């Protein structure tokens, strides 16, 4: 049975993998950055960690996460959905509308038009 630490590591591993996939960061780049940051594992051990075959101490897991985050931060910004300019909306569609105005008037003043 997995303990809380094992579950926390597995969650961190899954989120690291998800971030790498979503950002198209290859394992080889992660290992190079991880090693440059002072990581002690070789690339085979890191591959085993990513596959869930090997457990890592907390400090090493966090160093892997830092390597991934640095690589993601270096990527160019992703394209965003553009807005487009158009003609202004007609007045009847811009505000609350006649129905809401009438309901508000009735509620505030107890009157109808």
Protein backbone atom coordinates (compact mmCIF):
# COMPACT_ATOMS: atom_id res chain seq x y z
CA UNK A 1 0.00 0.00 0.00
CA UNK A 2 1.34 3.39 -0.94
CA UNK A 3 1.86 5.90 1.82
CA UNK A 4 1.22 9.64 1.71
CA UNK A 5 4.79 10.34 0.62
CA UNK A 6 4.50 7.85 -2.25
CA UNK A 7 1.21 9.42 -3.33
CA UNK A 8 2.72 12.91 -3.18
CA UNK A 9 5.69 11.79 -5.27
CA UNK A 10 3.41 10.08 -7.79
CA UNK A 11 1.28 13.21 -8.07
CA UNK A 12 4.37 15.35 -8.56
CA UNK A 13 5.73 12.91 -11.16
CA UNK A 14 2.42 12.93 -13.06
CA UNK A 15 2.27 16.73 -13.05
CA UNK A 16 5.89 17.02 -14.18
CA UNK A 17 5.19 14.61 -17.03
CA UNK A 18 2.02 16.51 -17.95
CA UNK A 19 3.91 19.82 -18.02
CA UNK A 20 6.61 18.30 -20.22
CA UNK A 21 4.08 16.87 -22.67
CA UNK A 22 1.99 20.06 -22.78
CA UNK A 23 5.08 22.16 -23.40
CA UNK A 24 6.83 19.69 -25.70
CA UNK A 25 9.92 19.51 -23.47
CA UNK A 26 12.01 16.39 -24.22
CA UNK A 27 13.51 14.26 -21.45
CA UNK A 28 17.01 14.83 -22.80
CA UNK A 29 16.66 18.60 -22.33
CA UNK A 30 15.32 18.09 -18.82
CA UNK A 31 18.26 15.88 -17.90
CA UNK A 32 20.78 18.41 -19.23
CA UNK A 33 19.18 21.24 -17.26
CA UNK A 34 18.73 19.05 -14.17
CA UNK A 35 22.41 18.06 -14.31
CA UNK A 36 23.45 21.70 -14.81
CA UNK A 37 21.46 22.61 -11.69
CA UNK A 38 23.45 20.06 -9.68
CA UNK A 39 21.32 16.94 -10.09
CA UNK A 40 23.07 13.67 -9.29
CA UNK A 41 21.14 11.21 -11.48
CA UNK A 42 22.17 10.02 -14.91
CA UNK A 43 19.76 10.14 -17.84
CA UNK A 44 18.74 6.48 -17.42
CA UNK A 45 17.73 7.07 -13.80
CA UNK A 46 15.75 10.13 -14.79
CA UNK A 47 13.96 8.14 -17.50
CA UNK A 48 13.13 5.50 -14.87
CA UNK A 49 11.71 8.22 -12.62
CA UNK A 50 9.54 9.58 -15.44
CA UNK A 51 8.27 6.06 -16.13
CA UNK A 52 7.41 5.53 -12.46
CA UNK A 53 10.01 2.79 -12.05
CA UNK A 54 12.22 4.65 -9.60
CA UNK A 55 11.56 6.81 -6.58
CA UNK A 56 13.55 9.97 -5.89
CA UNK A 57 14.29 11.91 -2.72
CA UNK A 58 12.23 15.07 -2.33
CA UNK A 59 15.15 17.37 -3.16
CA UNK A 60 15.83 15.52 -6.43
CA UNK A 61 12.12 15.59 -7.39
CA UNK A 62 12.06 19.31 -6.80
CA UNK A 63 15.24 19.78 -8.82
CA UNK A 64 13.64 17.92 -11.74
CA UNK A 65 10.57 20.15 -11.41
CA UNK A 66 12.80 23.24 -11.39
CA UNK A 67 14.60 22.06 -14.53
CA UNK A 68 11.27 21.54 -16.32
CA UNK A 69 9.93 24.91 -15.16
CA UNK A 70 13.05 26.72 -16.36
CA UNK A 71 12.80 25.08 -19.77
CA UNK A 72 9.13 25.99 -20.04
CA UNK A 73 9.88 29.59 -19.02
CA UNK A 74 12.42 29.88 -21.84
CA UNK A 75 9.89 28.94 -24.50
CA UNK A 76 8.38 31.67 -26.63
CA UNK A 77 4.89 32.73 -25.63
CA UNK A 78 2.13 30.63 -27.11
CA UNK A 79 -0.21 32.25 -29.61
CA UNK A 80 -3.40 33.61 -28.12
CA UNK A 81 -6.85 33.88 -29.62
CA UNK A 82 -7.27 37.29 -31.24
CA UNK A 83 -10.12 39.68 -30.59
CA UNK A 84 -11.63 41.52 -33.48
CA UNK A 85 -13.06 44.97 -33.85
CA UNK A 86 -16.54 45.36 -35.19
CA UNK A 87 -19.37 47.82 -35.27
CA UNK A 88 -20.77 48.81 -31.88
CA UNK A 89 -23.74 46.85 -30.62
CA UNK A 90 -27.14 48.53 -30.94
CA UNK A 91 -28.33 50.20 -27.72
CA UNK A 92 -31.03 47.60 -27.05
CA UNK A 93 -28.39 44.87 -26.75
CA UNK A 94 -25.84 46.84 -24.73
CA UNK A 95 -27.64 47.47 -21.46
CA UNK A 96 -29.84 45.49 -19.16
CA UNK A 97 -32.68 45.58 -21.67
CA UNK A 98 -36.26 46.75 -21.37
CA UNK A 99 -37.41 43.74 -19.37
CA UNK A 100 -34.73 44.17 -16.73
CA UNK A 101 -35.29 47.93 -16.61
CA UNK A 102 -38.99 47.33 -16.00
CA UNK A 103 -38.33 44.73 -13.30
CA UNK A 104 -35.86 47.05 -11.59
CA UNK A 105 -38.32 49.95 -11.74
CA UNK A 106 -41.05 47.76 -10.21
CA UNK A 107 -38.77 46.52 -7.47
CA UNK A 108 -37.38 49.95 -6.57
CA UNK A 109 -40.48 52.07 -6.92
CA UNK A 110 -43.37 49.62 -6.91
CA UNK A 111 -44.60 51.06 -10.18
CA UNK A 112 -45.05 49.87 -13.72
CA UNK A 113 -44.77 51.88 -16.87
